[in-house]
Protein backbone atom coordinates (compact mmCIF):
# COMPACT_ATOMS: atom_id res chain seq x y z
CA MET A 1 11.97 9.51 -14.55
CA ASN A 2 15.62 10.03 -15.38
CA TYR A 3 18.24 9.72 -12.65
CA PRO A 4 22.03 9.65 -13.04
CA ALA A 5 23.34 6.16 -13.83
CA SER A 6 25.57 6.35 -10.75
CA PHE A 7 22.58 6.98 -8.48
CA LYS A 8 20.63 4.03 -9.92
CA ALA A 9 23.68 1.78 -9.59
CA LEU A 10 24.14 2.73 -5.96
CA GLU A 11 20.49 1.96 -5.20
CA LYS A 12 20.67 -1.44 -6.93
CA ASP A 13 23.67 -2.33 -4.76
CA LYS A 14 21.44 -2.01 -1.68
CA ASP A 15 19.91 -5.43 -2.29
CA THR A 16 22.81 -6.91 -0.28
CA LEU A 17 20.79 -6.05 2.84
CA SER A 18 18.60 -9.09 2.17
CA ASP A 19 21.47 -11.55 2.62
CA SER A 20 20.91 -12.16 6.34
CA PRO A 21 17.71 -12.53 8.40
CA LYS A 22 16.39 -9.30 9.86
CA ASN A 23 14.12 -8.30 12.70
CA ILE A 24 11.31 -6.45 10.90
CA LEU A 25 8.36 -4.55 12.32
CA VAL A 26 5.26 -4.62 10.11
CA THR A 27 2.18 -2.62 11.00
CA GLY A 28 -1.29 -3.62 9.83
CA THR A 29 -0.59 -7.36 9.78
CA ALA A 30 -4.27 -8.26 10.20
CA GLY A 31 -4.93 -6.17 7.11
CA PHE A 32 -4.93 -7.17 3.47
CA ILE A 33 -1.51 -6.01 2.29
CA GLY A 34 0.18 -6.26 5.68
CA SER A 35 -0.68 -9.93 6.15
CA HIS A 36 0.64 -10.84 2.70
CA VAL A 37 3.87 -8.89 3.27
CA ALA A 38 4.41 -10.54 6.66
CA HIS A 39 4.04 -14.02 5.14
CA ARG A 40 6.58 -13.21 2.43
CA LEU A 41 9.10 -11.94 4.98
CA LEU A 42 8.63 -15.05 7.13
CA ASP A 43 9.11 -17.21 4.03
CA GLN A 44 12.44 -15.45 3.53
CA GLY A 45 13.58 -16.34 7.05
CA HIS A 46 13.09 -12.97 8.73
CA THR A 47 11.62 -12.44 12.20
CA VAL A 48 8.44 -10.36 12.06
CA THR A 49 6.77 -8.37 14.81
CA GLY A 50 3.27 -7.37 13.77
CA ILE A 51 1.08 -4.53 15.00
CA ASP A 52 -2.68 -4.34 14.49
CA ASN A 53 -5.58 -3.19 16.67
CA LEU A 54 -8.26 -5.25 14.86
CA ASN A 55 -10.61 -2.29 14.53
CA ASP A 56 -14.12 -2.76 13.18
CA TYR A 57 -13.90 -0.64 10.01
CA TYR A 58 -14.78 -3.88 8.23
CA ASP A 59 -15.41 -7.53 9.21
CA VAL A 60 -13.23 -8.26 12.24
CA ASN A 61 -13.60 -12.00 11.67
CA LEU A 62 -11.76 -11.67 8.36
CA LYS A 63 -8.97 -9.78 10.12
CA LYS A 64 -8.80 -12.46 12.81
CA ALA A 65 -8.61 -15.17 10.16
CA ARG A 66 -5.70 -13.41 8.45
CA LEU A 67 -3.95 -12.98 11.79
CA ALA A 68 -4.53 -16.60 12.82
CA ARG A 69 -2.56 -17.75 9.78
CA LEU A 70 0.35 -15.62 10.93
CA THR A 71 0.34 -16.39 14.64
CA GLU A 72 0.70 -20.12 13.98
CA ARG A 73 3.99 -19.50 12.17
CA PRO A 74 7.40 -19.53 13.89
CA ASN A 75 9.24 -16.20 14.12
CA TYR A 76 6.05 -14.15 14.20
CA GLN A 77 5.00 -12.13 17.26
CA HIS A 78 1.94 -9.91 17.47
CA ALA A 79 1.26 -6.73 19.42
CA LEU A 80 -2.45 -5.96 19.73
CA ILE A 81 -2.11 -2.19 20.07
CA ASP A 82 -3.36 1.02 18.47
CA LEU A 83 -1.05 3.27 16.46
CA CYS A 84 -2.37 6.21 18.47
CA ASP A 85 -1.05 4.70 21.72
CA ARG A 86 2.29 6.47 21.85
CA ASP A 87 3.63 4.64 24.89
CA ALA A 88 2.70 1.23 23.44
CA ILE A 89 4.43 2.00 20.14
CA ASP A 90 7.55 3.16 21.98
CA ALA A 91 7.49 -0.05 24.03
CA VAL A 92 7.36 -2.20 20.88
CA PHE A 93 10.37 -0.42 19.40
CA GLN A 94 12.27 -0.70 22.67
CA LYS A 95 11.48 -4.38 23.15
CA HIS A 96 11.98 -5.66 19.61
CA GLN A 97 14.62 -3.23 18.26
CA PRO A 98 13.54 -3.67 14.63
CA GLN A 99 16.14 -3.20 11.93
CA ARG A 100 13.50 -2.32 9.35
CA VAL A 101 9.96 -1.00 9.61
CA ILE A 102 7.26 -1.56 6.99
CA HIS A 103 4.33 0.66 7.93
CA LEU A 104 1.12 -0.49 6.23
CA ALA A 105 -1.50 0.19 8.93
CA ALA A 106 -3.88 3.05 8.17
CA GLN A 107 -7.48 4.11 8.10
CA ALA A 108 -8.27 3.09 4.53
CA GLY A 109 -11.12 3.94 2.19
CA VAL A 110 -11.88 7.27 0.56
CA ARG A 111 -15.62 7.50 1.32
CA TYR A 112 -15.59 6.65 5.04
CA ALA A 113 -14.09 10.10 5.69
CA ALA A 114 -17.47 11.67 4.98
CA THR A 115 -18.84 10.14 8.18
CA ASN A 116 -15.73 9.68 10.32
CA PRO A 117 -12.99 12.15 9.32
CA HIS A 118 -11.27 12.04 12.71
CA ALA A 119 -10.39 8.37 12.22
CA TYR A 120 -8.11 9.39 9.34
CA THR A 121 -6.13 12.04 11.17
CA SER A 122 -5.83 9.85 14.25
CA ALA A 123 -4.57 6.70 12.52
CA ASN A 124 -2.87 8.14 9.45
CA VAL A 125 -1.27 11.29 10.87
CA THR A 126 -0.86 10.86 14.63
CA GLY A 127 -0.23 7.13 14.25
CA PHE A 128 2.43 7.72 11.61
CA LEU A 129 4.09 10.32 13.83
CA HIS A 130 4.47 7.66 16.53
CA ILE A 131 6.12 5.31 14.01
CA LEU A 132 8.50 8.08 12.91
CA GLU A 133 9.36 8.81 16.52
CA GLY A 134 10.05 5.13 17.13
CA ALA A 135 12.38 5.06 14.13
CA ARG A 136 14.08 8.19 15.45
CA HIS A 137 14.71 7.03 19.02
CA PHE A 138 15.45 3.41 18.10
CA PRO A 139 17.29 3.90 14.79
CA VAL A 140 16.32 1.65 11.90
CA GLU A 141 18.13 1.01 8.65
CA HIS A 142 15.00 1.69 6.61
CA LEU A 143 11.42 2.88 7.12
CA VAL A 144 9.05 1.95 4.29
CA TYR A 145 5.48 3.23 4.44
CA ALA A 146 2.33 2.97 2.36
CA SER A 147 1.15 5.95 0.38
CA THR A 148 -1.46 5.85 -2.38
CA SER A 149 -2.16 6.75 -5.99
CA SER A 150 -4.95 8.94 -4.57
CA VAL A 151 -2.35 11.62 -3.80
CA TYR A 152 -2.32 12.51 -7.52
CA GLY A 153 -5.83 13.89 -6.99
CA ALA A 154 -6.87 16.46 -9.58
CA ASN A 155 -3.78 15.76 -11.69
CA THR A 156 -4.90 14.33 -15.04
CA ALA A 157 -1.52 13.93 -16.78
CA MET A 158 -1.26 10.20 -17.53
CA PRO A 159 0.54 8.05 -16.67
CA PHE A 160 1.18 9.27 -13.13
CA ARG A 161 4.88 9.75 -12.36
CA GLU A 162 6.45 10.28 -8.97
CA ASP A 163 7.90 13.65 -10.04
CA GLN A 164 4.47 15.10 -10.85
CA SER A 165 2.46 17.48 -8.69
CA THR A 166 0.41 16.02 -5.85
CA GLU A 167 -0.73 19.34 -4.43
CA HIS A 168 -4.45 18.85 -5.09
CA PRO A 169 -5.80 15.79 -3.23
CA LEU A 170 -9.53 15.25 -3.67
CA THR A 171 -10.24 13.31 -0.46
CA LEU A 172 -9.23 13.53 3.18
CA TYR A 173 -7.69 10.05 2.89
CA ALA A 174 -5.42 11.28 0.09
CA ALA A 175 -4.57 14.40 2.10
CA THR A 176 -3.44 12.33 5.08
CA LYS A 177 -1.24 10.20 2.81
CA LYS A 178 0.27 13.32 1.26
CA ALA A 179 0.94 14.48 4.82
CA ASN A 180 2.73 11.18 5.50
CA GLU A 181 5.07 11.82 2.59
CA MET A 182 5.90 15.30 3.89
CA MET A 183 6.34 14.08 7.47
CA ALA A 184 8.69 11.32 6.30
CA HIS A 185 10.78 13.84 4.37
CA SER A 186 11.17 16.06 7.41
CA TYR A 187 12.38 13.12 9.53
CA ALA A 188 14.72 11.96 6.76
CA HIS A 189 16.17 15.46 6.62
CA LEU A 190 16.37 16.16 10.35
CA TYR A 191 17.39 12.74 11.66
CA ASP A 192 18.91 11.00 8.62
CA ILE A 193 16.29 8.22 8.72
CA PRO A 194 16.06 6.47 5.32
CA CYS A 195 12.37 6.77 4.39
CA THR A 196 10.63 5.38 1.32
CA GLY A 197 6.98 5.95 0.42
CA LEU A 198 5.13 3.52 -1.85
CA ARG A 199 2.15 4.77 -3.84
CA PHE A 200 -0.14 1.76 -4.33
CA PHE A 201 -2.61 1.57 -7.21
CA THR A 202 -5.97 -0.23 -6.59
CA VAL A 203 -4.77 -3.43 -4.94
CA TYR A 204 -6.88 -6.60 -5.18
CA GLY A 205 -6.54 -10.34 -4.63
CA PRO A 206 -7.16 -13.16 -2.13
CA TRP A 207 -7.80 -12.06 1.47
CA GLY A 208 -8.74 -8.62 0.12
CA ARG A 209 -10.77 -5.87 1.74
CA PRO A 210 -14.59 -6.23 1.81
CA ASP A 211 -15.04 -2.53 1.08
CA MET A 212 -13.27 -2.77 -2.28
CA ALA A 213 -15.12 -3.12 -5.59
CA LEU A 214 -14.09 -6.68 -6.43
CA PHE A 215 -15.23 -8.00 -3.04
CA LEU A 216 -18.49 -6.03 -3.16
CA PHE A 217 -19.24 -7.11 -6.72
CA THR A 218 -18.50 -10.78 -6.04
CA ARG A 219 -20.71 -10.88 -2.97
CA ALA A 220 -23.61 -9.16 -4.75
CA ILE A 221 -23.44 -11.21 -7.95
CA LEU A 222 -23.41 -14.49 -6.01
CA ALA A 223 -26.41 -13.27 -4.01
CA GLY A 224 -28.28 -12.26 -7.17
CA GLU A 225 -28.23 -8.60 -6.17
CA PRO A 226 -27.46 -5.60 -8.40
CA ILE A 227 -24.04 -3.95 -8.25
CA LYS A 228 -23.47 -0.19 -8.16
CA VAL A 229 -21.27 0.81 -11.08
CA PHE A 230 -20.06 4.40 -10.84
CA ASN A 231 -19.19 6.61 -13.82
CA HIS A 232 -21.28 4.11 -15.81
CA GLY A 233 -18.28 1.79 -15.66
CA HIS A 234 -16.15 3.88 -18.00
CA HIS A 235 -13.34 4.89 -15.66
CA LYS A 236 -10.04 3.04 -15.82
CA ARG A 237 -7.84 1.83 -13.00
CA SER A 238 -4.36 0.35 -12.71
CA PHE A 239 -5.74 -2.74 -10.94
CA THR A 240 -2.71 -4.30 -9.22
CA TYR A 241 -2.61 -7.88 -7.99
CA ILE A 242 -1.43 -8.41 -4.43
CA ASP A 243 1.62 -10.51 -5.36
CA ASP A 244 2.95 -7.67 -7.50
CA ILE A 245 2.49 -5.29 -4.58
CA VAL A 246 4.29 -7.62 -2.17
CA ASP A 247 7.17 -8.09 -4.61
CA GLY A 248 7.61 -4.32 -4.71
CA VAL A 249 7.28 -3.73 -0.97
CA VAL A 250 9.79 -6.40 0.00
CA SER A 251 12.28 -5.53 -2.73
CA ILE A 252 12.23 -1.82 -1.90
CA SER A 253 12.55 -2.55 1.82
CA GLU A 254 15.91 -4.15 1.05
CA ARG A 255 17.15 -0.93 -0.56
CA PRO A 256 17.27 1.91 1.98
CA ALA A 257 16.55 5.32 0.54
CA MET A 258 19.61 7.36 -0.31
CA ALA A 259 20.25 11.04 -0.83
CA ASP A 260 20.17 11.91 -4.53
CA PRO A 261 23.53 13.57 -5.36
CA SER A 262 21.96 15.36 -8.33
CA TRP A 263 19.06 16.86 -6.37
CA ASN A 264 18.80 20.60 -6.93
CA GLY A 265 16.81 22.96 -4.73
CA ASN A 266 16.37 25.37 -7.64
CA HIS A 267 14.54 22.63 -9.55
CA PRO A 268 13.37 20.27 -6.80
CA ASN A 269 12.32 16.77 -7.77
CA PRO A 270 9.44 15.73 -5.45
CA ALA A 271 10.37 12.04 -5.68
CA THR A 272 13.94 12.33 -4.34
CA SER A 273 15.86 14.63 -2.03
CA SER A 274 19.20 15.68 -0.65
CA ALA A 275 17.98 13.64 2.35
CA PRO A 276 17.62 9.82 2.30
CA TYR A 277 14.07 9.93 0.94
CA ARG A 278 12.35 8.25 -2.01
CA LEU A 279 8.91 7.75 -3.53
CA PHE A 280 7.85 4.90 -5.81
CA ASN A 281 4.69 3.98 -7.69
CA ILE A 282 3.68 0.33 -7.49
CA GLY A 283 0.92 -0.37 -9.97
CA ASN A 284 0.03 -2.28 -13.08
CA GLN A 285 0.97 -0.24 -16.17
CA GLU A 286 -2.01 -1.58 -18.13
CA PRO A 287 -5.12 0.24 -16.88
CA VAL A 288 -8.41 -1.62 -17.31
CA GLU A 289 -11.87 -0.12 -17.75
CA LEU A 290 -14.23 -0.99 -14.92
CA LEU A 291 -16.71 -2.60 -17.33
CA ARG A 292 -13.98 -4.99 -18.50
CA TYR A 293 -13.08 -5.75 -14.87
CA ILE A 294 -16.73 -6.69 -14.25
CA GLU A 295 -16.82 -8.77 -17.44
CA VAL A 296 -13.82 -10.79 -16.26
CA LEU A 297 -15.50 -11.32 -12.88
CA GLU A 298 -18.68 -12.55 -14.59
CA GLU A 299 -16.62 -15.03 -16.60
CA CYS A 300 -14.87 -16.33 -13.46
CA LEU A 301 -18.14 -16.66 -11.54
CA GLY A 302 -20.13 -18.07 -14.46
CA LEU A 303 -22.84 -15.53 -13.67
CA SER A 304 -24.07 -12.28 -15.13
CA ALA A 305 -24.19 -9.06 -13.14
CA THR A 306 -27.17 -6.76 -12.88
CA MET A 307 -25.63 -3.29 -13.03
CA GLU A 308 -27.00 -0.09 -11.54
CA LEU A 309 -25.18 2.55 -13.59
CA LEU A 310 -24.43 5.71 -11.60
CA PRO A 311 -22.43 8.94 -12.08
CA LEU A 312 -18.88 9.38 -10.80
CA GLN A 313 -18.80 9.81 -7.03
CA PRO A 314 -17.42 12.96 -5.37
CA GLY A 315 -13.69 12.51 -4.73
CA ASP A 316 -13.26 9.75 -7.32
CA VAL A 317 -10.99 10.36 -10.28
CA PRO A 318 -11.95 9.20 -13.80
CA ASP A 319 -8.74 7.26 -14.44
CA THR A 320 -5.46 6.13 -12.92
CA GLU A 321 -2.43 4.86 -14.77
CA ALA A 322 0.88 4.03 -13.11
CA ASP A 323 4.31 4.81 -14.49
CA VAL A 324 6.60 2.30 -12.74
CA SER A 325 9.78 3.01 -14.67
CA THR A 326 11.53 4.15 -11.48
CA LEU A 327 10.57 0.96 -9.65
CA SER A 328 11.85 -1.04 -12.60
CA GLU A 329 15.12 0.90 -12.77
CA VAL A 330 15.88 0.26 -9.11
CA THR A 331 14.50 -3.26 -8.59
CA GLY A 332 13.97 -4.77 -12.03
CA LEU A 333 10.31 -5.34 -11.16
CA ILE A 334 7.30 -4.49 -13.30
CA PRO A 335 3.83 -5.38 -11.89
CA LYS A 336 2.32 -7.53 -14.61
CA VAL A 337 -0.35 -9.97 -13.35
CA PRO A 338 -3.32 -9.43 -15.71
CA VAL A 339 -6.83 -9.02 -14.32
CA GLU A 340 -7.89 -12.27 -16.00
CA GLU A 341 -5.48 -14.18 -13.77
CA GLY A 342 -5.82 -12.02 -10.65
CA VAL A 343 -9.63 -12.00 -10.58
CA ARG A 344 -9.71 -15.77 -11.11
CA LYS A 345 -7.45 -16.31 -8.10
CA PHE A 346 -9.59 -13.99 -5.99
CA VAL A 347 -12.78 -15.84 -6.94
CA GLU A 348 -11.16 -19.19 -6.10
CA TRP A 349 -10.17 -17.84 -2.67
CA TYR A 350 -13.59 -16.25 -2.07
CA ARG A 351 -15.47 -19.47 -2.86
CA ALA A 352 -13.18 -21.50 -0.61
CA TYR A 353 -13.18 -19.04 2.30
CA TYR A 354 -16.94 -18.42 2.31
CA GLN A 355 -17.77 -21.95 1.15
CA VAL A 356 -19.89 -20.63 -1.72
């Protein structure tokens, strides 16, 4: 994506915000990405207030274990509340007066919507509205929120760029994340709140989610059970290691979104705005076929998988490939951890955590 040199220079100058410790609100800190981001911020000397309701979408004990590692650290405080509790969210903003907000809590997973669609609109739409309202009434210097590569939906033009169409989501999860992007833009425009959305691409790594492929495959292979391999294993994904995701989240959080002086309503760029609003992809630029991903896992486990080859599931896309040139232009970062290294680190964590 091509932006004026002056605009890119201005955005790079925003990294001065990281010079002093901040009071940062992070939602979803008992979750996979949220817990990793909170640890990084604490390592940098910031004070972190975490929000999570410890719901039972997946193993609550894993969420409690992630949270226990945070609560034993100085400068971390936790609020056990639900995003849908408007009064509780307002109270957190009023009490802690965060300077930045990193909103990572959501109802995740694309297939769960088939059985519980209301969970997505409650957490992802109503919950996000409460975060936006908090940022409006208790002004913050930057609101960063998680979006997803799933918003590209039926778009098949590879690699995915932030200025491409995202008008055809294929799942309710993707639709709610697209709604988040539109809601954030309206608040950026109406209330001058700097808002940045981050489109994550297939995140994996230690302390990951049990509903994700790597976790499911590892558990099944160790148990000697077959694994379900959709699209016969031929689809590709921009598998992105958690450390690369955290690098991007934290770096972008230090650079509040700015209005793009070259933005033109006659030829609107979806990724920027005349309001302080931005969108970024964060994903590995080297997509990997699922069969290769499984092969790497087999090598790390020292075991062979029994594969049940199945057709592509409804709502799944054949391939994803991230264009992160905009992220690189603004931050200098390019997600680059290869699956050979990332899967190995996950397996090491899994064996240690589950004592396998």
